[in-house]
Amino acid sequence: MLMADATLEDLRKWLSDLSTLSQEWQQLAAPYQTQIKTLEAEMDQKTAHLQFQIETLQSLVKPAIITLKQTQKVPYLTVTYVKKPFWDTEKLFEMAREVPAIMQAYEDRSTVQFRKTGH
């Protein structure tokens, strides 16, 4: 049994229903998405020179913000500093073999993502 109230049969039905709804959504959305892509291509063409300058300046600003460790605000733009710690999971699991108490800090944060596909 998958959950207290759901069976594998329930899951298959839900997935089948989701598949049908996803297909219907894609069929209804297709002409709008085509229009959006056309407009985005036109916008990209008209703003390409600005985008190049923006990306060039961003490549200079990013390391400066990381060094300052501070968010900066100016009119029409906020550059946000985001602290992003990284843990080497493989190393931690190796250490946990020697010091099992390390596993008290481990939590499974499994999640589910939905992605529409063409078929």
C-alpha atoms as a PDB file:
ATOM      1  CA  MET A   1       0.000   0.000   0.000  1.00  0.00           C
ATOM      2  CA  LEU A   2       1.387   3.442  -0.965  1.00  0.00           C
ATOM      3  CA  MET A   3      -0.246   5.525   1.744  1.00  0.00           C
ATOM      4  CA  ALA A   4      -2.864   4.854   4.362  1.00  0.00           C
ATOM      5  CA  ASP A   5      -5.689   5.563   1.899  1.00  0.00           C
ATOM      6  CA  ALA A   6      -4.078   5.151  -1.543  1.00  0.00           C
ATOM      7  CA  THR A   7      -3.277   1.984  -3.434  1.00  0.00           C
ATOM      8  CA  LEU A   8      -1.121   1.411  -6.506  1.00  0.00           C
ATOM      9  CA  GLU A   9      -4.382   1.180  -8.465  1.00  0.00           C
ATOM     10  CA  ASP A  10      -5.372   4.649  -7.190  1.00  0.00           C
ATOM     11  CA  LEU A  11      -1.989   6.037  -8.211  1.00  0.00           C
ATOM     12  CA  ARG A  12      -2.300   4.586 -11.729  1.00  0.00           C
ATOM     13  CA  LYS A  13      -5.770   6.180 -12.099  1.00  0.00           C
ATOM     14  CA  TRP A  14      -4.533   9.547 -10.867  1.00  0.00           C
ATOM     15  CA  LEU A  15      -1.562   9.407 -13.232  1.00  0.00           C
ATOM     16  CA  SER A  16      -3.827   8.481 -16.125  1.00  0.00           C
ATOM     17  CA  ASP A  17      -6.136  11.415 -15.305  1.00  0.00           C
ATOM     18  CA  LEU A  18      -3.142  13.750 -15.019  1.00  0.00           C
ATOM     19  CA  SER A  19      -1.863  12.517 -18.377  1.00  0.00           C
ATOM     20  CA  THR A  20      -5.200  13.263 -20.059  1.00  0.00           C
ATOM     21  CA  LEU A  21      -5.430  16.722 -18.475  1.00  0.00           C
ATOM     22  CA  SER A  22      -1.820  17.494 -19.394  1.00  0.00           C
ATOM     23  CA  GLN A  23      -2.490  16.565 -23.016  1.00  0.00           C
ATOM     24  CA  GLU A  24      -5.622  18.752 -23.111  1.00  0.00           C
ATOM     25  CA  TRP A  25      -3.722  21.663 -21.543  1.00  0.00           C
ATOM     26  CA  GLN A  26      -0.918  21.351 -24.100  1.00  0.00           C
ATOM     27  CA  GLN A  27      -3.373  21.307 -27.013  1.00  0.00           C
ATOM     28  CA  LEU A  28      -5.182  24.423 -25.746  1.00  0.00           C
ATOM     29  CA  ALA A  29      -1.960  26.247 -24.879  1.00  0.00           C
ATOM     30  CA  ALA A  30      -0.040  25.450 -28.100  1.00  0.00           C
ATOM     31  CA  PRO A  31      -1.219  28.426 -30.211  1.00  0.00           C
ATOM     32  CA  TYR A  32      -0.561  30.839 -27.326  1.00  0.00           C
ATOM     33  CA  GLN A  33       2.879  29.377 -26.753  1.00  0.00           C
ATOM     34  CA  THR A  34       3.662  29.859 -30.443  1.00  0.00           C
ATOM     35  CA  GLN A  35       2.659  33.523 -30.194  1.00  0.00           C
ATOM     36  CA  ILE A  36       4.704  33.933 -27.014  1.00  0.00           C
ATOM     37  CA  LYS A  37       7.793  32.387 -28.660  1.00  0.00           C
ATOM     38  CA  THR A  38       7.405  34.701 -31.660  1.00  0.00           C
ATOM     39  CA  LEU A  39       7.163  37.750 -29.391  1.00  0.00           C
ATOM     40  CA  GLU A  40      10.111  36.576 -27.279  1.00  0.00           C
ATOM     41  CA  ALA A  41      12.248  36.099 -30.405  1.00  0.00           C
ATOM     42  CA  GLU A  42      11.359  39.619 -31.567  1.00  0.00           C
ATOM     43  CA  MET A  43      12.115  41.018 -28.105  1.00  0.00           C
ATOM     44  CA  ASP A  44      15.467  39.166 -27.989  1.00  0.00           C
ATOM     45  CA  GLN A  45      16.405  40.621 -31.364  1.00  0.00           C
ATOM     46  CA  LYS A  46      15.472  44.188 -30.358  1.00  0.00           C
ATOM     47  CA  THR A  47      17.245  43.996 -26.980  1.00  0.00           C
ATOM     48  CA  ALA A  48      20.324  41.919 -27.928  1.00  0.00           C
ATOM     49  CA  HIS A  49      22.728  44.869 -27.723  1.00  0.00           C
ATOM     50  CA  LEU A  50      21.424  45.761 -24.257  1.00  0.00           C
ATOM     51  CA  GLN A  51      21.473  42.149 -23.078  1.00  0.00           C
ATOM     52  CA  PHE A  52      25.144  41.851 -24.091  1.00  0.00           C
ATOM     53  CA  GLN A  53      26.028  44.941 -22.060  1.00  0.00           C
ATOM     54  CA  ILE A  54      23.968  43.727 -19.106  1.00  0.00           C
ATOM     55  CA  GLU A  55      25.653  40.304 -19.087  1.00  0.00           C
ATOM     56  CA  THR A  56      29.097  41.920 -19.356  1.00  0.00           C
ATOM     57  CA  LEU A  57      28.419  44.148 -16.349  1.00  0.00           C
ATOM     58  CA  GLN A  58      26.861  41.271 -14.398  1.00  0.00           C
ATOM     59  CA  SER A  59      30.062  39.284 -14.822  1.00  0.00           C
ATOM     60  CA  LEU A  60      31.908  42.155 -13.098  1.00  0.00           C
ATOM     61  CA  VAL A  61      29.288  42.787 -10.402  1.00  0.00           C
ATOM     62  CA  LYS A  62      28.819  39.157  -9.300  1.00  0.00           C
ATOM     63  CA  PRO A  63      32.301  38.590  -7.815  1.00  0.00           C
ATOM     64  CA  ALA A  64      32.176  42.031  -6.141  1.00  0.00           C
ATOM     65  CA  ILE A  65      28.848  41.191  -4.454  1.00  0.00           C
ATOM     66  CA  ILE A  66      30.190  37.814  -3.328  1.00  0.00           C
ATOM     67  CA  THR A  67      33.225  39.570  -1.828  1.00  0.00           C
ATOM     68  CA  LEU A  68      31.062  42.183  -0.069  1.00  0.00           C
ATOM     69  CA  LYS A  69      28.493  39.585   1.018  1.00  0.00           C
ATOM     70  CA  GLN A  70      25.817  42.267   0.820  1.00  0.00           C
ATOM     71  CA  THR A  71      22.721  42.863  -1.276  1.00  0.00           C
ATOM     72  CA  GLN A  72      22.889  46.094  -3.276  1.00  0.00           C
ATOM     73  CA  LYS A  73      19.916  48.133  -4.493  1.00  0.00           C
ATOM     74  CA  VAL A  74      19.830  50.769  -7.226  1.00  0.00           C
ATOM     75  CA  PRO A  75      16.864  52.074  -9.228  1.00  0.00           C
ATOM     76  CA  TYR A  76      15.457  49.317 -11.478  1.00  0.00           C
ATOM     77  CA  LEU A  77      17.722  46.640 -10.000  1.00  0.00           C
ATOM     78  CA  THR A  78      18.404  44.722  -6.822  1.00  0.00           C
ATOM     79  CA  VAL A  79      21.424  42.447  -6.744  1.00  0.00           C
ATOM     80  CA  THR A  80      20.821  39.959  -3.966  1.00  0.00           C
ATOM     81  CA  TYR A  81      23.627  38.222  -2.094  1.00  0.00           C
ATOM     82  CA  VAL A  82      22.594  34.650  -1.322  1.00  0.00           C
ATOM     83  CA  LYS A  83      24.669  32.620   1.100  1.00  0.00           C
ATOM     84  CA  LYS A  84      24.659  29.067  -0.176  1.00  0.00           C
ATOM     85  CA  PRO A  85      26.500  26.561   1.986  1.00  0.00           C
ATOM     86  CA  PHE A  86      27.532  23.311   0.345  1.00  0.00           C
ATOM     87  CA  TRP A  87      28.055  20.018   2.115  1.00  0.00           C
ATOM     88  CA  ASP A  88      29.921  17.145   0.489  1.00  0.00           C
ATOM     89  CA  THR A  89      27.350  14.415   1.098  1.00  0.00           C
ATOM     90  CA  GLU A  90      29.638  11.547   0.149  1.00  0.00           C
ATOM     91  CA  LYS A  91      32.286  12.705   2.635  1.00  0.00           C
ATOM     92  CA  LEU A  92      29.685  13.088   5.371  1.00  0.00           C
ATOM     93  CA  PHE A  93      28.380   9.555   4.788  1.00  0.00           C
ATOM     94  CA  GLU A  94      31.972   8.247   4.937  1.00  0.00           C
ATOM     95  CA  MET A  95      32.452  10.075   8.254  1.00  0.00           C
ATOM     96  CA  ALA A  96      29.120   8.713   9.501  1.00  0.00           C
ATOM     97  CA  ARG A  97      30.466   5.170   9.141  1.00  0.00           C
ATOM     98  CA  GLU A  98      33.085   6.072  11.753  1.00  0.00           C
ATOM     99  CA  VAL A  99      30.888   8.413  13.826  1.00  0.00           C
ATOM    100  CA  PRO A 100      27.259   7.228  13.524  1.00  0.00           C
ATOM    101  CA  ALA A 101      25.978  10.235  15.515  1.00  0.00           C
ATOM    102  CA  ILE A 102      26.553  12.332  12.372  1.00  0.00           C
ATOM    103  CA  MET A 103      23.459  10.676  10.879  1.00  0.00           C
ATOM    104  CA  GLN A 104      21.310  12.534  13.412  1.00  0.00           C
ATOM    105  CA  ALA A 105      21.793  15.583  11.197  1.00  0.00           C
ATOM    106  CA  TYR A 106      20.591  13.739   8.076  1.00  0.00           C
ATOM    107  CA  GLU A 107      17.048  14.209   6.799  1.00  0.00           C
ATOM    108  CA  ASP A 108      15.515  12.807   3.625  1.00  0.00           C
ATOM    109  CA  ARG A 109      13.881  15.727   1.872  1.00  0.00           C
ATOM    110  CA  SER A 110      12.527  13.818  -1.108  1.00  0.00           C
ATOM    111  CA  THR A 111      10.178  15.771  -3.307  1.00  0.00           C
ATOM    112  CA  VAL A 112       8.123  15.281  -6.438  1.00  0.00           C
ATOM    113  CA  GLN A 113       8.255  17.353  -9.613  1.00  0.00           C
ATOM    114  CA  PHE A 114       5.650  17.458 -12.362  1.00  0.00           C
ATOM    115  CA  ARG A 115       6.822  18.178 -15.903  1.00  0.00           C
ATOM    116  CA  LYS A 116       4.629  18.266 -18.982  1.00  0.00           C
ATOM    117  CA  THR A 117       6.076  16.236 -21.827  1.00  0.00           C
ATOM    118  CA  GLY A 118       5.160  16.084 -25.494  1.00  0.00           C
ATOM    119  CA  HIS A 119       4.080  12.435 -25.345  1.00  0.00           C
END
